[in-house]
Amino acid sequence: EGQPVLAFYDKAGVPRTRLGLQANGMQGLVLTDGSGKPRATIAMESDGAPYLRLDDKDGRPRGGFAVRSDGSPRLIMMDNAGRYRIELHLSPDGSPRLVLGDQEGRPRIEVTVLPGGSAAVGFADQQAKSRIMFGLLADGTPGLAFREKDGKIMWKAP
């Protein structure tokens, strides 16, 4: 607290919108529900990257959208505990990537399309290490690979 803030209140005297510097020094806009709990925050990271965070009625972050400092956009959905479960983003080269996380927030499934036109789906173990990968090369050639726990390829085709 102690930061300059512009606040708008509803008829009941509950702050519904706050604009100003956050406690961490970042600028932002916070929208609250009827009880004054933050539900949406639009802010800037210290490096100037903008983000939008959406909270549930209990104040837990559940989703967000950001544009990283390298210009790549990222959409995130979180579970009740705030763990990343779905992440969709574009890398700086424009390649799309979808990542699905397990109950602990570890990435387990990844779908991506690479700049050259290759497409792949990967499955990771509970340590988030890639174990199975299949996809298509840009020319349409299919591929499949299985990896040991240490990352060495145990079998692949072609």
N, C-alpha and C. Protein backbone atom coordinates (compact mmCIF):
# COMPACT_ATOMS: atom_id res chain seq x y z
N GLU A 1 0.84 -1.18 0.00
CA GLU A 1 0.00 0.00 0.00
C GLU A 1 0.88 1.24 0.00
N GLY A 2 0.30 2.40 0.16
CA GLY A 2 1.06 3.62 0.11
C GLY A 2 1.32 4.11 -1.30
N GLN A 3 0.82 3.38 -2.30
CA GLN A 3 1.00 3.75 -3.70
C GLN A 3 -0.19 4.61 -4.13
N PRO A 4 0.02 5.58 -5.03
CA PRO A 4 -1.11 6.38 -5.52
C PRO A 4 -2.08 5.51 -6.32
N VAL A 5 -3.38 5.62 -5.99
CA VAL A 5 -4.41 4.81 -6.64
C VAL A 5 -5.63 5.68 -6.90
N LEU A 6 -6.22 5.49 -8.06
CA LEU A 6 -7.51 6.09 -8.40
C LEU A 6 -8.54 4.99 -8.27
N ALA A 7 -9.54 5.17 -7.41
CA ALA A 7 -10.52 4.11 -7.17
C ALA A 7 -11.92 4.62 -7.46
N PHE A 8 -12.75 3.72 -7.98
CA PHE A 8 -14.16 4.01 -8.23
C PHE A 8 -14.98 3.07 -7.36
N TYR A 9 -16.00 3.62 -6.69
CA TYR A 9 -16.80 2.87 -5.74
C TYR A 9 -18.23 2.74 -6.24
N ASP A 10 -18.90 1.63 -5.85
CA ASP A 10 -20.31 1.48 -6.19
C ASP A 10 -21.16 2.21 -5.15
N LYS A 11 -22.48 2.14 -5.27
CA LYS A 11 -23.39 2.84 -4.36
C LYS A 11 -23.25 2.38 -2.92
N ALA A 12 -22.80 1.13 -2.72
CA ALA A 12 -22.64 0.58 -1.37
C ALA A 12 -21.29 0.95 -0.76
N GLY A 13 -20.46 1.68 -1.50
CA GLY A 13 -19.16 2.08 -0.99
C GLY A 13 -18.07 1.04 -1.19
N VAL A 14 -18.34 0.02 -2.03
CA VAL A 14 -17.35 -1.03 -2.30
C VAL A 14 -16.47 -0.59 -3.47
N PRO A 15 -15.15 -0.65 -3.31
CA PRO A 15 -14.29 -0.29 -4.45
C PRO A 15 -14.45 -1.32 -5.57
N ARG A 16 -14.81 -0.85 -6.77
CA ARG A 16 -15.06 -1.77 -7.89
C ARG A 16 -13.97 -1.70 -8.95
N THR A 17 -13.29 -0.57 -9.02
CA THR A 17 -12.21 -0.39 -10.00
C THR A 17 -11.09 0.39 -9.34
N ARG A 18 -9.85 -0.12 -9.50
CA ARG A 18 -8.68 0.58 -8.97
C ARG A 18 -7.66 0.69 -10.09
N LEU A 19 -7.13 1.89 -10.23
CA LEU A 19 -6.12 2.14 -11.25
C LEU A 19 -4.94 2.79 -10.55
N GLY A 20 -3.76 2.23 -10.76
CA GLY A 20 -2.59 2.82 -10.15
C GLY A 20 -1.44 1.84 -10.08
N LEU A 21 -0.52 2.11 -9.17
CA LEU A 21 0.63 1.25 -8.98
C LEU A 21 0.28 0.13 -8.01
N GLN A 22 0.66 -1.09 -8.36
CA GLN A 22 0.45 -2.24 -7.49
C GLN A 22 1.49 -2.20 -6.36
N ALA A 23 1.34 -3.03 -5.36
CA ALA A 23 2.29 -3.11 -4.26
C ALA A 23 3.69 -3.45 -4.75
N ASN A 24 3.76 -4.22 -5.87
CA ASN A 24 5.06 -4.59 -6.43
C ASN A 24 5.65 -3.52 -7.34
N GLY A 25 4.98 -2.36 -7.44
CA GLY A 25 5.49 -1.26 -8.24
C GLY A 25 5.03 -1.25 -9.68
N MET A 26 4.29 -2.28 -10.10
CA MET A 26 3.81 -2.33 -11.48
C MET A 26 2.50 -1.55 -11.58
N GLN A 27 2.28 -0.94 -12.74
CA GLN A 27 1.03 -0.23 -12.96
C GLN A 27 -0.05 -1.23 -13.33
N GLY A 28 -1.31 -0.93 -12.97
CA GLY A 28 -2.36 -1.85 -13.32
C GLY A 28 -3.75 -1.32 -13.07
N LEU A 29 -4.70 -2.06 -13.62
CA LEU A 29 -6.12 -1.79 -13.44
C LEU A 29 -6.72 -3.04 -12.85
N VAL A 30 -7.44 -2.91 -11.73
CA VAL A 30 -8.05 -4.05 -11.05
C VAL A 30 -9.56 -3.84 -11.01
N LEU A 31 -10.30 -4.83 -11.51
CA LEU A 31 -11.75 -4.82 -11.45
C LEU A 31 -12.18 -5.81 -10.37
N THR A 32 -13.12 -5.38 -9.51
CA THR A 32 -13.54 -6.23 -8.39
C THR A 32 -15.02 -6.58 -8.51
N ASP A 33 -15.42 -7.61 -7.76
CA ASP A 33 -16.83 -7.99 -7.73
C ASP A 33 -17.55 -7.15 -6.66
N GLY A 34 -18.81 -7.47 -6.40
CA GLY A 34 -19.61 -6.71 -5.45
C GLY A 34 -19.11 -6.75 -4.02
N SER A 35 -18.27 -7.73 -3.70
CA SER A 35 -17.72 -7.80 -2.34
C SER A 35 -16.33 -7.15 -2.25
N GLY A 36 -15.86 -6.63 -3.37
CA GLY A 36 -14.55 -5.96 -3.38
C GLY A 36 -13.39 -6.88 -3.69
N LYS A 37 -13.66 -8.17 -4.00
CA LYS A 37 -12.58 -9.10 -4.33
C LYS A 37 -12.13 -8.89 -5.78
N PRO A 38 -10.81 -8.84 -6.01
CA PRO A 38 -10.31 -8.69 -7.38
C PRO A 38 -10.75 -9.87 -8.25
N ARG A 39 -11.23 -9.58 -9.46
CA ARG A 39 -11.64 -10.63 -10.39
C ARG A 39 -10.89 -10.53 -11.71
N ALA A 40 -10.46 -9.33 -12.09
CA ALA A 40 -9.69 -9.15 -13.32
C ALA A 40 -8.63 -8.09 -13.08
N THR A 41 -7.42 -8.38 -13.54
CA THR A 41 -6.31 -7.44 -13.41
C THR A 41 -5.65 -7.29 -14.76
N ILE A 42 -5.47 -6.06 -15.17
CA ILE A 42 -4.71 -5.74 -16.37
C ILE A 42 -3.49 -4.97 -15.87
N ALA A 43 -2.31 -5.48 -16.18
CA ALA A 43 -1.11 -4.85 -15.64
C ALA A 43 0.05 -4.98 -16.60
N MET A 44 1.16 -4.37 -16.22
CA MET A 44 2.39 -4.43 -16.98
C MET A 44 3.46 -5.06 -16.09
N GLU A 45 4.21 -6.01 -16.66
CA GLU A 45 5.35 -6.57 -15.95
C GLU A 45 6.45 -5.52 -15.87
N SER A 46 7.46 -5.77 -15.07
CA SER A 46 8.56 -4.81 -14.92
C SER A 46 9.30 -4.57 -16.24
N ASP A 47 9.26 -5.56 -17.16
CA ASP A 47 9.92 -5.39 -18.45
C ASP A 47 9.01 -4.75 -19.51
N GLY A 48 7.80 -4.33 -19.09
CA GLY A 48 6.88 -3.67 -20.00
C GLY A 48 5.91 -4.60 -20.70
N ALA A 49 5.98 -5.89 -20.42
CA ALA A 49 5.08 -6.86 -21.05
C ALA A 49 3.70 -6.80 -20.39
N PRO A 50 2.62 -6.65 -21.18
CA PRO A 50 1.27 -6.57 -20.61
C PRO A 50 0.69 -7.96 -20.31
N TYR A 51 -0.19 -8.02 -19.31
CA TYR A 51 -0.90 -9.26 -19.04
C TYR A 51 -2.29 -8.97 -18.47
N LEU A 52 -3.16 -9.94 -18.64
CA LEU A 52 -4.51 -9.93 -18.09
C LEU A 52 -4.65 -11.18 -17.24
N ARG A 53 -5.05 -11.02 -15.98
CA ARG A 53 -5.27 -12.16 -15.10
C ARG A 53 -6.72 -12.17 -14.66
N LEU A 54 -7.35 -13.35 -14.71
CA LEU A 54 -8.73 -13.52 -14.29
C LEU A 54 -8.77 -14.43 -13.08
N ASP A 55 -9.46 -13.99 -12.02
CA ASP A 55 -9.55 -14.75 -10.78
C ASP A 55 -10.97 -15.27 -10.59
N ASP A 56 -11.09 -16.39 -9.85
CA ASP A 56 -12.43 -16.90 -9.53
C ASP A 56 -13.01 -16.11 -8.36
N LYS A 57 -14.21 -16.48 -7.93
CA LYS A 57 -14.89 -15.74 -6.86
C LYS A 57 -14.16 -15.80 -5.53
N ASP A 58 -13.27 -16.77 -5.37
CA ASP A 58 -12.50 -16.90 -4.14
C ASP A 58 -11.13 -16.22 -4.23
N GLY A 59 -10.88 -15.52 -5.34
CA GLY A 59 -9.63 -14.79 -5.49
C GLY A 59 -8.47 -15.61 -6.05
N ARG A 60 -8.75 -16.85 -6.48
CA ARG A 60 -7.68 -17.69 -7.04
C ARG A 60 -7.50 -17.38 -8.52
N PRO A 61 -6.26 -17.23 -8.99
CA PRO A 61 -6.04 -17.03 -10.43
C PRO A 61 -6.50 -18.27 -11.20
N ARG A 62 -7.28 -18.07 -12.25
CA ARG A 62 -7.79 -19.19 -13.04
C ARG A 62 -7.42 -19.10 -14.50
N GLY A 63 -7.07 -17.91 -14.96
CA GLY A 63 -6.70 -17.78 -16.36
C GLY A 63 -5.94 -16.49 -16.59
N GLY A 64 -5.25 -16.47 -17.72
CA GLY A 64 -4.52 -15.26 -18.03
C GLY A 64 -4.11 -15.21 -19.49
N PHE A 65 -3.82 -14.01 -19.90
CA PHE A 65 -3.31 -13.78 -21.24
C PHE A 65 -2.19 -12.77 -21.11
N ALA A 66 -1.09 -13.05 -21.77
CA ALA A 66 0.06 -12.15 -21.71
C ALA A 66 0.72 -12.06 -23.07
N VAL A 67 1.40 -10.96 -23.27
CA VAL A 67 2.29 -10.82 -24.42
C VAL A 67 3.67 -10.63 -23.81
N ARG A 68 4.52 -11.63 -23.99
CA ARG A 68 5.85 -11.60 -23.39
C ARG A 68 6.70 -10.49 -23.99
N SER A 69 7.81 -10.20 -23.33
CA SER A 69 8.69 -9.12 -23.80
C SER A 69 9.23 -9.38 -25.21
N ASP A 70 9.28 -10.67 -25.63
CA ASP A 70 9.74 -10.98 -26.99
C ASP A 70 8.61 -10.86 -28.03
N GLY A 71 7.41 -10.46 -27.57
CA GLY A 71 6.28 -10.27 -28.46
C GLY A 71 5.39 -11.47 -28.65
N SER A 72 5.73 -12.60 -28.04
CA SER A 72 4.94 -13.82 -28.23
C SER A 72 3.75 -13.85 -27.26
N PRO A 73 2.52 -14.11 -27.78
CA PRO A 73 1.34 -14.18 -26.94
C PRO A 73 1.21 -15.53 -26.25
N ARG A 74 0.57 -15.53 -25.07
CA ARG A 74 0.42 -16.75 -24.26
C ARG A 74 -0.90 -16.71 -23.51
N LEU A 75 -1.68 -17.79 -23.63
CA LEU A 75 -2.96 -17.94 -22.94
C LEU A 75 -2.82 -19.10 -21.96
N ILE A 76 -3.24 -18.89 -20.71
CA ILE A 76 -3.06 -19.91 -19.66
C ILE A 76 -4.39 -20.13 -18.95
N MET A 77 -4.67 -21.40 -18.63
CA MET A 77 -5.80 -21.75 -17.77
C MET A 77 -5.27 -22.57 -16.61
N MET A 78 -5.72 -22.22 -15.39
CA MET A 78 -5.22 -22.86 -14.18
C MET A 78 -6.34 -23.56 -13.42
N ASP A 79 -5.95 -24.56 -12.63
CA ASP A 79 -6.93 -25.25 -11.80
C ASP A 79 -7.14 -24.49 -10.49
N ASN A 80 -7.94 -25.07 -9.58
CA ASN A 80 -8.26 -24.43 -8.31
C ASN A 80 -7.02 -24.10 -7.48
N ALA A 81 -5.96 -24.87 -7.64
CA ALA A 81 -4.74 -24.66 -6.86
C ALA A 81 -3.77 -23.71 -7.57
N GLY A 82 -4.15 -23.17 -8.72
CA GLY A 82 -3.29 -22.24 -9.43
C GLY A 82 -2.25 -22.90 -10.31
N ARG A 83 -2.37 -24.22 -10.52
CA ARG A 83 -1.41 -24.93 -11.37
C ARG A 83 -1.83 -24.80 -12.83
N TYR A 84 -0.82 -24.61 -13.70
CA TYR A 84 -1.09 -24.51 -15.13
C TYR A 84 -1.58 -25.85 -15.64
N ARG A 85 -2.77 -25.86 -16.26
CA ARG A 85 -3.33 -27.09 -16.83
C ARG A 85 -3.39 -27.01 -18.34
N ILE A 86 -3.63 -25.81 -18.88
CA ILE A 86 -3.66 -25.61 -20.33
C ILE A 86 -2.88 -24.34 -20.65
N GLU A 87 -1.99 -24.46 -21.61
CA GLU A 87 -1.20 -23.31 -22.04
C GLU A 87 -1.18 -23.31 -23.57
N LEU A 88 -1.51 -22.20 -24.15
CA LEU A 88 -1.49 -22.05 -25.60
C LEU A 88 -0.67 -20.81 -25.91
N HIS A 89 0.33 -20.96 -26.73
CA HIS A 89 1.11 -19.78 -27.07
C HIS A 89 1.75 -19.90 -28.44
N LEU A 90 2.21 -18.77 -28.92
CA LEU A 90 2.97 -18.69 -30.15
C LEU A 90 4.40 -18.34 -29.76
N SER A 91 5.35 -19.07 -30.32
CA SER A 91 6.75 -18.75 -30.05
C SER A 91 7.11 -17.50 -30.86
N PRO A 92 8.25 -16.90 -30.59
CA PRO A 92 8.64 -15.71 -31.34
C PRO A 92 8.68 -15.92 -32.85
N ASP A 93 8.93 -17.17 -33.31
CA ASP A 93 8.95 -17.43 -34.76
C ASP A 93 7.55 -17.70 -35.32
N GLY A 94 6.51 -17.62 -34.46
CA GLY A 94 5.13 -17.81 -34.89
C GLY A 94 4.61 -19.22 -34.79
N SER A 95 5.42 -20.15 -34.30
CA SER A 95 4.99 -21.55 -34.17
C SER A 95 3.98 -21.69 -33.03
N PRO A 96 2.80 -22.29 -33.30
CA PRO A 96 1.83 -22.49 -32.23
C PRO A 96 2.20 -23.70 -31.38
N ARG A 97 1.83 -23.64 -30.10
CA ARG A 97 2.12 -24.73 -29.17
C ARG A 97 1.00 -24.81 -28.14
N LEU A 98 0.48 -26.02 -27.95
CA LEU A 98 -0.52 -26.30 -26.93
C LEU A 98 0.08 -27.28 -25.95
N VAL A 99 0.02 -26.95 -24.66
CA VAL A 99 0.57 -27.82 -23.62
C VAL A 99 -0.55 -28.12 -22.62
N LEU A 100 -0.72 -29.42 -22.32
CA LEU A 100 -1.69 -29.85 -21.31
C LEU A 100 -0.92 -30.37 -20.10
N GLY A 101 -1.27 -29.87 -18.92
CA GLY A 101 -0.58 -30.26 -17.71
C GLY A 101 -1.39 -31.25 -16.89
N ASP A 102 -0.69 -31.99 -16.03
CA ASP A 102 -1.36 -32.94 -15.14
C ASP A 102 -1.84 -32.24 -13.87
N GLN A 103 -2.29 -33.02 -12.88
CA GLN A 103 -2.84 -32.47 -11.65
C GLN A 103 -1.81 -31.68 -10.84
N GLU A 104 -0.53 -31.90 -11.10
CA GLU A 104 0.52 -31.17 -10.40
C GLU A 104 1.04 -29.99 -11.23
N GLY A 105 0.45 -29.77 -12.40
CA GLY A 105 0.87 -28.67 -13.25
C GLY A 105 2.06 -28.98 -14.13
N ARG A 106 2.50 -30.24 -14.14
CA ARG A 106 3.63 -30.63 -14.99
C ARG A 106 3.14 -30.83 -16.42
N PRO A 107 3.92 -30.33 -17.41
CA PRO A 107 3.51 -30.54 -18.80
C PRO A 107 3.56 -32.03 -19.16
N ARG A 108 2.45 -32.56 -19.72
CA ARG A 108 2.38 -33.98 -20.06
C ARG A 108 2.11 -34.23 -21.53
N ILE A 109 1.37 -33.36 -22.19
CA ILE A 109 1.08 -33.51 -23.61
C ILE A 109 1.37 -32.17 -24.29
N GLU A 110 2.05 -32.24 -25.43
CA GLU A 110 2.37 -31.03 -26.18
C GLU A 110 2.04 -31.26 -27.65
N VAL A 111 1.38 -30.29 -28.24
CA VAL A 111 1.06 -30.31 -29.67
C VAL A 111 1.69 -29.06 -30.27
N THR A 112 2.43 -29.23 -31.35
CA THR A 112 3.10 -28.08 -31.95
C THR A 112 3.19 -28.21 -33.46
N VAL A 113 3.26 -27.07 -34.12
CA VAL A 113 3.52 -27.00 -35.55
C VAL A 113 4.76 -26.12 -35.70
N LEU A 114 5.80 -26.66 -36.32
CA LEU A 114 7.07 -25.95 -36.45
C LEU A 114 7.09 -25.06 -37.69
N PRO A 115 7.99 -24.07 -37.75
CA PRO A 115 8.01 -23.12 -38.87
C PRO A 115 8.11 -23.78 -40.25
N GLY A 116 8.82 -24.89 -40.37
CA GLY A 116 8.96 -25.55 -41.66
C GLY A 116 7.75 -26.34 -42.10
N GLY A 117 6.74 -26.46 -41.23
CA GLY A 117 5.54 -27.18 -41.58
C GLY A 117 5.40 -28.54 -40.92
N SER A 118 6.40 -28.98 -40.16
CA SER A 118 6.29 -30.24 -39.42
C SER A 118 5.27 -30.06 -38.29
N ALA A 119 4.57 -31.14 -37.97
CA ALA A 119 3.61 -31.13 -36.87
C ALA A 119 3.92 -32.30 -35.96
N ALA A 120 3.80 -32.09 -34.64
CA ALA A 120 4.15 -33.15 -33.70
C ALA A 120 3.26 -33.13 -32.47
N VAL A 121 3.10 -34.32 -31.89
CA VAL A 121 2.43 -34.50 -30.61
C VAL A 121 3.40 -35.27 -29.73
N GLY A 122 3.62 -34.76 -28.53
CA GLY A 122 4.54 -35.42 -27.61
C GLY A 122 3.87 -35.73 -26.29
N PHE A 123 4.31 -36.82 -25.67
CA PHE A 123 3.81 -37.23 -24.36
C PHE A 123 4.99 -37.29 -23.41
N ALA A 124 4.83 -36.71 -22.23
CA ALA A 124 5.90 -36.68 -21.24
C ALA A 124 5.51 -37.50 -20.02
N ASP A 125 6.53 -37.97 -19.27
CA ASP A 125 6.27 -38.72 -18.05
C ASP A 125 6.02 -37.76 -16.88
N GLN A 126 5.91 -38.29 -15.66
CA GLN A 126 5.60 -37.46 -14.50
C GLN A 126 6.75 -36.53 -14.12
N GLN A 127 7.91 -36.72 -14.69
CA GLN A 127 9.03 -35.80 -14.47
C GLN A 127 9.12 -34.77 -15.61
N ALA A 128 8.10 -34.74 -16.46
CA ALA A 128 7.99 -33.82 -17.60
C ALA A 128 9.08 -34.07 -18.65
N LYS A 129 9.59 -35.32 -18.71
CA LYS A 129 10.56 -35.68 -19.74
C LYS A 129 9.82 -36.31 -20.91
N SER A 130 10.17 -35.88 -22.12
CA SER A 130 9.54 -36.40 -23.32
C SER A 130 9.81 -37.90 -23.45
N ARG A 131 8.73 -38.69 -23.62
CA ARG A 131 8.89 -40.15 -23.73
C ARG A 131 8.38 -40.69 -25.06
N ILE A 132 7.33 -40.11 -25.60
CA ILE A 132 6.78 -40.55 -26.89
C ILE A 132 6.54 -39.31 -27.74
N MET A 133 6.96 -39.37 -29.01
CA MET A 133 6.75 -38.27 -29.92
C MET A 133 6.33 -38.84 -31.27
N PHE A 134 5.26 -38.31 -31.81
CA PHE A 134 4.89 -38.70 -33.16
C PHE A 134 4.44 -37.47 -33.93
N GLY A 135 4.57 -37.55 -35.23
CA GLY A 135 4.19 -36.41 -36.03
C GLY A 135 4.42 -36.63 -37.51
N LEU A 136 4.35 -35.52 -38.23
CA LEU A 136 4.54 -35.52 -39.68
C LEU A 136 5.59 -34.48 -40.02
N LEU A 137 6.53 -34.87 -40.87
CA LEU A 137 7.49 -33.90 -41.39
C LEU A 137 6.77 -33.03 -42.41
N ALA A 138 7.40 -31.94 -42.82
CA ALA A 138 6.77 -31.02 -43.76
C ALA A 138 6.37 -31.71 -45.07
N ASP A 139 7.12 -32.75 -45.48
CA ASP A 139 6.80 -33.45 -46.73
C ASP A 139 5.73 -34.53 -46.55
N GLY A 140 5.19 -34.66 -45.33
CA GLY A 140 4.14 -35.64 -45.06
C GLY A 140 4.64 -36.97 -44.54
N THR A 141 5.95 -37.13 -44.39
CA THR A 141 6.50 -38.38 -43.86
C THR A 141 6.16 -38.50 -42.38
N PRO A 142 5.51 -39.62 -41.98
CA PRO A 142 5.19 -39.79 -40.56
C PRO A 142 6.41 -40.27 -39.77
N GLY A 143 6.41 -39.96 -38.50
CA GLY A 143 7.50 -40.40 -37.63
C GLY A 143 6.98 -40.73 -36.24
N LEU A 144 7.70 -41.61 -35.56
CA LEU A 144 7.34 -42.03 -34.21
C LEU A 144 8.62 -42.35 -33.46
N ALA A 145 8.72 -41.90 -32.21
CA ALA A 145 9.91 -42.19 -31.41
C ALA A 145 9.51 -42.45 -29.97
N PHE A 146 10.18 -43.44 -29.36
CA PHE A 146 10.02 -43.75 -27.94
C PHE A 146 11.35 -43.49 -27.26
N ARG A 147 11.31 -42.86 -26.09
CA ARG A 147 12.54 -42.53 -25.36
C ARG A 147 12.58 -43.22 -24.01
N GLU A 148 13.80 -43.56 -23.60
CA GLU A 148 14.05 -44.11 -22.26
C GLU A 148 13.90 -42.96 -21.25
N LYS A 149 13.92 -43.29 -19.96
CA LYS A 149 13.84 -42.26 -18.92
C LYS A 149 14.98 -41.27 -19.01
N ASP A 150 16.15 -41.72 -19.46
CA ASP A 150 17.32 -40.83 -19.56
C ASP A 150 17.31 -40.01 -20.84
N GLY A 151 16.28 -40.15 -21.68
CA GLY A 151 16.15 -39.37 -22.90
C GLY A 151 16.68 -40.03 -24.15
N LYS A 152 17.38 -41.15 -24.01
CA LYS A 152 17.91 -41.86 -25.18
C LYS A 152 16.76 -42.51 -25.95
N ILE A 153 16.87 -42.46 -27.28
CA ILE A 153 15.83 -43.07 -28.11
C ILE A 153 15.97 -44.57 -28.04
N MET A 154 14.87 -45.25 -27.64
CA MET A 154 14.89 -46.72 -27.58
C MET A 154 14.36 -47.33 -28.87
N TRP A 155 13.48 -46.57 -29.59
CA TRP A 155 12.94 -47.07 -30.85
C TRP A 155 12.38 -45.88 -31.61
N LYS A 156 12.57 -45.91 -32.94
CA LYS A 156 11.97 -44.87 -33.77
C LYS A 156 11.70 -45.41 -35.16
N ALA A 157 10.77 -44.76 -35.81
CA ALA A 157 10.46 -45.09 -37.20
C ALA A 157 10.08 -43.79 -37.89
N PRO A 158 10.46 -43.52 -39.08
CA PRO A 158 11.50 -44.25 -39.80
C PRO A 158 12.87 -43.97 -39.21
